[in-house]
Amino acid sequence: MRALLAGILVSGLVSATALAGPEDFSTGPLIEGYGPNAEIDTTFDIPSDAVFRPLYDVAQAAEPGGLSRSLVTAARFLNMHARAGIPAENMQLAVVVHGSAIFDVAGAQAYGRRHDGADNANAALVEELVANGVAIYVCGQSAAHYDLQTQELLPGVEMALSAMTVHALLQQEGYTLNPF
């Protein structure tokens, strides 16, 4: 009987402390359709003049025809911080793509060549990220390895000498590697 009562008590505490459920997530306000996030009643205040320069390193390719989890994460960063009141101009994101993930930011022909004619589900997301000021860089060394040409990249995506070069330079500019 004591174990049953303890289980009921613990169960009640867990459900009473839940913050949000799947129905509390939505996209926007900057990038609709991508980057779902929930509004949170925080106790950790973000200074109103905070400037964010997260740097995302993307080496894991999405499943063929699927969305890149890392690109969705960049959209979520923008959306949740905009929802929390951070001005868009105070968010300066950069994404460095290398390895086989470079095809996630490649145009239709190159993507289809790599993935048996599949469509690049990331194309619209990349367009939205670039339109919202996100800098996306492809590692030129990975591109050379996979024979991906600069002109085959989606609009707004830049070819760099290497991922290592971009990381070194952007960190000197105050960008911080975001591990999520």
C-alpha atoms as a PDB file:
ATOM      1  CA  MET A   1       0.000   0.000   0.000  1.00  0.00           C
ATOM      2  CA  ARG A   2       2.840   2.411   0.850  1.00  0.00           C
ATOM      3  CA  ALA A   3       4.462   1.761  -2.539  1.00  0.00           C
ATOM      4  CA  LEU A   4       1.160   2.509  -4.300  1.00  0.00           C
ATOM      5  CA  LEU A   5       0.737   5.792  -2.391  1.00  0.00           C
ATOM      6  CA  ALA A   6       4.351   6.757  -3.084  1.00  0.00           C
ATOM      7  CA  GLY A   7       3.839   6.038  -6.790  1.00  0.00           C
ATOM      8  CA  ILE A   8       0.708   8.178  -6.882  1.00  0.00           C
ATOM      9  CA  LEU A   9       2.495  11.006  -5.053  1.00  0.00           C
ATOM     10  CA  VAL A  10       5.498  10.917  -7.411  1.00  0.00           C
ATOM     11  CA  SER A  11       3.210  10.725 -10.443  1.00  0.00           C
ATOM     12  CA  GLY A  12       1.298  13.769  -9.218  1.00  0.00           C
ATOM     13  CA  LEU A  13       4.491  15.740  -8.673  1.00  0.00           C
ATOM     14  CA  VAL A  14       5.829  14.928 -12.107  1.00  0.00           C
ATOM     15  CA  SER A  15       2.659  15.986 -13.910  1.00  0.00           C
ATOM     16  CA  ALA A  16       2.319  19.090 -11.738  1.00  0.00           C
ATOM     17  CA  THR A  17       5.798  20.277 -12.735  1.00  0.00           C
ATOM     18  CA  ALA A  18       5.456  19.737 -16.476  1.00  0.00           C
ATOM     19  CA  LEU A  19       6.178  22.969 -18.370  1.00  0.00           C
ATOM     20  CA  ALA A  20       4.806  22.311 -21.814  1.00  0.00           C
ATOM     21  CA  GLY A  21       3.627  19.628 -24.156  1.00  0.00           C
ATOM     22  CA  PRO A  22       3.876  19.139 -27.888  1.00  0.00           C
ATOM     23  CA  GLU A  23       0.808  21.323 -28.408  1.00  0.00           C
ATOM     24  CA  ASP A  24       2.681  24.291 -26.916  1.00  0.00           C
ATOM     25  CA  PHE A  25       5.232  24.402 -29.752  1.00  0.00           C
ATOM     26  CA  SER A  26       4.814  26.515 -32.847  1.00  0.00           C
ATOM     27  CA  THR A  27       7.020  28.046 -35.502  1.00  0.00           C
ATOM     28  CA  GLY A  28       7.761  31.707 -36.065  1.00  0.00           C
ATOM     29  CA  PRO A  29       7.794  34.580 -35.522  1.00  0.00           C
ATOM     30  CA  LEU A  30      10.738  34.947 -37.921  1.00  0.00           C
ATOM     31  CA  ILE A  31      10.719  31.668 -39.837  1.00  0.00           C
ATOM     32  CA  GLU A  32       7.283  30.161 -40.284  1.00  0.00           C
ATOM     33  CA  GLY A  33       7.124  26.421 -40.853  1.00  0.00           C
ATOM     34  CA  TYR A  34      10.546  25.688 -39.316  1.00  0.00           C
ATOM     35  CA  GLY A  35      12.196  25.857 -35.902  1.00  0.00           C
ATOM     36  CA  PRO A  36       9.338  24.972 -33.546  1.00  0.00           C
ATOM     37  CA  ASN A  37       9.692  26.372 -30.051  1.00  0.00           C
ATOM     38  CA  ALA A  38       7.615  27.040 -26.958  1.00  0.00           C
ATOM     39  CA  GLU A  39       7.148  30.282 -25.071  1.00  0.00           C
ATOM     40  CA  ILE A  40       8.713  29.883 -21.627  1.00  0.00           C
ATOM     41  CA  ASP A  41       8.105  31.785 -18.399  1.00  0.00           C
ATOM     42  CA  THR A  42      11.785  32.203 -17.524  1.00  0.00           C
ATOM     43  CA  THR A  43      13.614  33.165 -14.373  1.00  0.00           C
ATOM     44  CA  PHE A  44      16.914  33.613 -16.276  1.00  0.00           C
ATOM     45  CA  ASP A  45      16.687  37.058 -17.820  1.00  0.00           C
ATOM     46  CA  ILE A  46      18.240  37.842 -21.186  1.00  0.00           C
ATOM     47  CA  PRO A  47      19.668  41.372 -21.245  1.00  0.00           C
ATOM     48  CA  SER A  48      17.687  43.542 -23.649  1.00  0.00           C
ATOM     49  CA  ASP A  49      20.885  44.522 -25.464  1.00  0.00           C
ATOM     50  CA  ALA A  50      22.276  40.979 -25.758  1.00  0.00           C
ATOM     51  CA  VAL A  51      23.910  40.142 -29.082  1.00  0.00           C
ATOM     52  CA  PHE A  52      24.123  36.504 -30.102  1.00  0.00           C
ATOM     53  CA  ARG A  53      26.708  35.116 -32.539  1.00  0.00           C
ATOM     54  CA  PRO A  54      26.246  31.350 -32.445  1.00  0.00           C
ATOM     55  CA  LEU A  55      28.267  29.269 -34.872  1.00  0.00           C
ATOM     56  CA  TYR A  56      26.839  25.903 -35.900  1.00  0.00           C
ATOM     57  CA  ASP A  57      29.066  23.130 -37.234  1.00  0.00           C
ATOM     58  CA  VAL A  58      27.180  20.743 -39.518  1.00  0.00           C
ATOM     59  CA  ALA A  59      28.782  17.473 -40.606  1.00  0.00           C
ATOM     60  CA  GLN A  60      25.783  15.136 -40.263  1.00  0.00           C
ATOM     61  CA  ALA A  61      23.778  14.981 -43.489  1.00  0.00           C
ATOM     62  CA  ALA A  62      20.015  14.705 -43.359  1.00  0.00           C
ATOM     63  CA  GLU A  63      18.345  11.548 -44.590  1.00  0.00           C
ATOM     64  CA  PRO A  64      17.834  11.766 -48.374  1.00  0.00           C
ATOM     65  CA  GLY A  65      14.795  13.973 -48.982  1.00  0.00           C
ATOM     66  CA  GLY A  66      14.667  14.990 -45.295  1.00  0.00           C
ATOM     67  CA  LEU A  67      15.381  18.166 -43.344  1.00  0.00           C
ATOM     68  CA  SER A  68      18.744  18.840 -41.744  1.00  0.00           C
ATOM     69  CA  ARG A  69      18.280  18.791 -37.990  1.00  0.00           C
ATOM     70  CA  SER A  70      21.082  21.368 -37.669  1.00  0.00           C
ATOM     71  CA  LEU A  71      19.461  23.821 -40.082  1.00  0.00           C
ATOM     72  CA  VAL A  72      16.158  23.422 -38.214  1.00  0.00           C
ATOM     73  CA  THR A  73      18.058  24.160 -34.989  1.00  0.00           C
ATOM     74  CA  ALA A  74      19.330  27.442 -36.441  1.00  0.00           C
ATOM     75  CA  ALA A  75      15.731  28.381 -37.332  1.00  0.00           C
ATOM     76  CA  ARG A  76      14.627  27.434 -33.797  1.00  0.00           C
ATOM     77  CA  PHE A  77      17.336  29.679 -32.301  1.00  0.00           C
ATOM     78  CA  LEU A  78      16.072  32.650 -34.319  1.00  0.00           C
ATOM     79  CA  ASN A  79      12.405  31.950 -33.592  1.00  0.00           C
ATOM     80  CA  MET A  80      12.659  31.334 -29.863  1.00  0.00           C
ATOM     81  CA  HIS A  81      14.849  34.359 -29.226  1.00  0.00           C
ATOM     82  CA  ALA A  82      12.655  36.612 -31.362  1.00  0.00           C
ATOM     83  CA  ARG A  83       9.664  35.299 -29.403  1.00  0.00           C
ATOM     84  CA  ALA A  84      11.542  36.190 -26.216  1.00  0.00           C
ATOM     85  CA  GLY A  85      11.965  39.784 -27.443  1.00  0.00           C
ATOM     86  CA  ILE A  86      15.476  39.756 -28.900  1.00  0.00           C
ATOM     87  CA  PRO A  87      15.629  41.994 -31.997  1.00  0.00           C
ATOM     88  CA  ALA A  88      16.513  40.165 -35.215  1.00  0.00           C
ATOM     89  CA  GLU A  89      19.502  42.466 -35.750  1.00  0.00           C
ATOM     90  CA  ASN A  90      20.967  41.197 -32.441  1.00  0.00           C
ATOM     91  CA  MET A  91      21.134  37.623 -33.756  1.00  0.00           C
ATOM     92  CA  GLN A  92      24.016  36.944 -36.110  1.00  0.00           C
ATOM     93  CA  LEU A  93      24.081  33.231 -36.846  1.00  0.00           C
ATOM     94  CA  ALA A  94      26.595  31.341 -38.952  1.00  0.00           C
ATOM     95  CA  VAL A  95      26.422  27.760 -40.163  1.00  0.00           C
ATOM     96  CA  VAL A  96      29.518  25.897 -41.364  1.00  0.00           C
ATOM     97  CA  VAL A  97      28.711  22.815 -43.434  1.00  0.00           C
ATOM     98  CA  HIS A  98      31.227  20.102 -44.267  1.00  0.00           C
ATOM     99  CA  GLY A  99      31.451  16.409 -45.060  1.00  0.00           C
ATOM    100  CA  SER A 100      28.528  14.884 -46.925  1.00  0.00           C
ATOM    101  CA  ALA A 101      26.196  17.416 -45.280  1.00  0.00           C
ATOM    102  CA  ILE A 102      27.269  19.891 -47.990  1.00  0.00           C
ATOM    103  CA  PHE A 103      24.591  18.423 -50.247  1.00  0.00           C
ATOM    104  CA  ASP A 104      21.912  19.660 -47.812  1.00  0.00           C
ATOM    105  CA  VAL A 105      22.748  23.188 -49.028  1.00  0.00           C
ATOM    106  CA  ALA A 106      23.207  22.242 -52.687  1.00  0.00           C
ATOM    107  CA  GLY A 107      20.891  23.044 -55.564  1.00  0.00           C
ATOM    108  CA  ALA A 108      18.430  20.591 -57.058  1.00  0.00           C
ATOM    109  CA  GLN A 109      20.716  19.100 -59.689  1.00  0.00           C
ATOM    110  CA  ALA A 110      23.643  18.396 -57.353  1.00  0.00           C
ATOM    111  CA  TYR A 111      21.345  17.173 -54.575  1.00  0.00           C
ATOM    112  CA  GLY A 112      19.494  14.873 -56.962  1.00  0.00           C
ATOM    113  CA  ARG A 113      22.796  13.564 -58.340  1.00  0.00           C
ATOM    114  CA  ARG A 114      23.863  12.613 -54.818  1.00  0.00           C
ATOM    115  CA  HIS A 115      20.459  11.246 -53.716  1.00  0.00           C
ATOM    116  CA  ASP A 116      19.075   9.365 -56.719  1.00  0.00           C
ATOM    117  CA  GLY A 117      16.889  12.191 -57.992  1.00  0.00           C
ATOM    118  CA  ALA A 118      15.371  13.132 -54.609  1.00  0.00           C
ATOM    119  CA  ASP A 119      14.302  16.726 -53.993  1.00  0.00           C
ATOM    120  CA  ASN A 120      16.239  18.810 -51.470  1.00  0.00           C
ATOM    121  CA  ALA A 121      13.751  19.437 -48.654  1.00  0.00           C
ATOM    122  CA  ASN A 122      16.242  21.933 -47.186  1.00  0.00           C
ATOM    123  CA  ALA A 123      16.064  24.406 -50.098  1.00  0.00           C
ATOM    124  CA  ALA A 124      13.138  26.436 -48.714  1.00  0.00           C
ATOM    125  CA  LEU A 125      14.617  26.410 -45.201  1.00  0.00           C
ATOM    126  CA  VAL A 126      17.999  27.620 -46.499  1.00  0.00           C
ATOM    127  CA  GLU A 127      16.222  30.405 -48.385  1.00  0.00           C
ATOM    128  CA  GLU A 128      14.461  31.489 -45.166  1.00  0.00           C
ATOM    129  CA  LEU A 129      17.651  31.321 -43.108  1.00  0.00           C
ATOM    130  CA  VAL A 130      19.577  33.417 -45.636  1.00  0.00           C
ATOM    131  CA  ALA A 131      16.688  35.906 -45.844  1.00  0.00           C
ATOM    132  CA  ASN A 132      16.942  36.256 -42.058  1.00  0.00           C
ATOM    133  CA  GLY A 133      20.647  37.043 -42.132  1.00  0.00           C
ATOM    134  CA  VAL A 134      22.096  33.611 -41.417  1.00  0.00           C
ATOM    135  CA  ALA A 135      25.491  33.145 -43.067  1.00  0.00           C
ATOM    136  CA  ILE A 136      25.953  29.626 -44.462  1.00  0.00           C
ATOM    137  CA  TYR A 137      29.429  28.496 -45.479  1.00  0.00           C
ATOM    138  CA  VAL A 138      30.459  25.283 -47.251  1.00  0.00           C
ATOM    139  CA  CYS A 139      33.861  23.738 -46.626  1.00  0.00           C
ATOM    140  CA  GLY A 140      35.719  23.946 -49.925  1.00  0.00           C
ATOM    141  CA  GLN A 141      37.812  20.924 -49.030  1.00  0.00           C
ATOM    142  CA  SER A 142      34.673  18.815 -48.601  1.00  0.00           C
ATOM    143  CA  ALA A 143      33.272  20.255 -51.816  1.00  0.00           C
ATOM    144  CA  ALA A 144      36.448  19.283 -53.687  1.00  0.00           C
ATOM    145  CA  HIS A 145      36.272  15.783 -52.222  1.00  0.00           C
ATOM    146  CA  TYR A 146      32.655  15.333 -53.335  1.00  0.00           C
ATOM    147  CA  ASP A 147      33.108  17.256 -56.609  1.00  0.00           C
ATOM    148  CA  LEU A 148      30.542  19.930 -55.700  1.00  0.00           C
ATOM    149  CA  GLN A 149      31.057  23.205 -57.549  1.00  0.00           C
ATOM    150  CA  THR A 150      30.429  26.686 -56.123  1.00  0.00           C
ATOM    151  CA  GLN A 151      27.722  27.402 -58.719  1.00  0.00           C
ATOM    152  CA  GLU A 152      25.844  24.291 -57.525  1.00  0.00           C
ATOM    153  CA  LEU A 153      25.183  25.754 -54.074  1.00  0.00           C
ATOM    154  CA  LEU A 154      21.788  27.160 -53.146  1.00  0.00           C
ATOM    155  CA  PRO A 155      21.495  30.954 -53.488  1.00  0.00           C
ATOM    156  CA  GLY A 156      23.122  32.787 -50.589  1.00  0.00           C
ATOM    157  CA  VAL A 157      25.351  29.872 -49.551  1.00  0.00           C
ATOM    158  CA  GLU A 158      29.046  30.727 -49.726  1.00  0.00           C
ATOM    159  CA  MET A 159      32.030  28.530 -50.602  1.00  0.00           C
ATOM    160  CA  ALA A 160      34.942  28.855 -48.163  1.00  0.00           C
ATOM    161  CA  LEU A 161      38.493  27.563 -48.337  1.00  0.00           C
ATOM    162  CA  SER A 162      37.729  25.164 -45.497  1.00  0.00           C
ATOM    163  CA  ALA A 163      35.495  24.679 -42.478  1.00  0.00           C
ATOM    164  CA  MET A 164      38.575  25.134 -40.286  1.00  0.00           C
ATOM    165  CA  THR A 165      39.225  28.545 -41.856  1.00  0.00           C
ATOM    166  CA  VAL A 166      35.678  29.783 -41.266  1.00  0.00           C
ATOM    167  CA  HIS A 167      35.665  28.560 -37.655  1.00  0.00           C
ATOM    168  CA  ALA A 168      38.989  30.280 -36.912  1.00  0.00           C
ATOM    169  CA  LEU A 169      37.965  33.594 -38.470  1.00  0.00           C
ATOM    170  CA  LEU A 170      34.444  33.748 -37.046  1.00  0.00           C
ATOM    171  CA  GLN A 171      35.617  32.891 -33.537  1.00  0.00           C
ATOM    172  CA  GLN A 172      37.992  35.864 -33.791  1.00  0.00           C
ATOM    173  CA  GLU A 173      34.874  37.963 -34.545  1.00  0.00           C
ATOM    174  CA  GLY A 174      33.151  36.824 -31.341  1.00  0.00           C
ATOM    175  CA  TYR A 175      31.149  33.868 -32.677  1.00  0.00           C
ATOM    176  CA  THR A 176      30.826  30.964 -30.258  1.00  0.00           C
ATOM    177  CA  LEU A 177      30.454  27.331 -31.210  1.00  0.00           C
ATOM    178  CA  ASN A 178      26.945  26.186 -30.313  1.00  0.00           C
ATOM    179  CA  PRO A 179      26.963  22.472 -29.458  1.00  0.00           C
ATOM    180  CA  PHE A 180      23.230  21.980 -30.061  1.00  0.00           C
END
